[in-house]
Amino acid sequence: MRPLRHIARGAGLATAMVAALATPASAATTDLGTLPGGTQSSATGVNSAGLTVGWARLSATTYATRWNAQGTITRLTGPRGSTGSQAFAVNDAGVVVGDATGSNGKVPVRWNTDGTVTELGARHRAARAAWPGPSAATG
């Protein structure tokens, strides 16, 4: 996977600078846009094929999103009963991980390549709590 080198947030824009490990001079900036009607978005991970993940805000709710290599944004559906979500990383197979918020708080989830979402359960909750990753509260 290529590292995410820079994230900038703005009203209606998400800008991500992505650089290859061996050639940082080849970095490019791309306006990723937002979901229709959205006001904000941010990229948090990218794989070697250019599939980018993160979140986008509609009103006061944050949703996990995926941008394909051509820049088309897609909202990732959360598990039943969730009220918001965020995507943090994507592997080279296209599997996305993040969390979803519901009545029991935040739950770690995996978005599979077939479109299904899997709650990862309590054993992963502790690992997620220890990871100082992005928060939907920032922005």
Foldseek 3Di string as FASTA:
>chain_A
DWAFDDWDKDFFWTKTWTAHPVCRVPIDIDTLGADVQFTIWIWQEAEPQGWTWWWTDHPLAIFIWIAHNVRDIDTQDDPPQFGHWIWHYAYPQGKTWTWTQHPVGIFIWIQDPVRDIGTPDDVCVVVVVPDPGDDSVPD
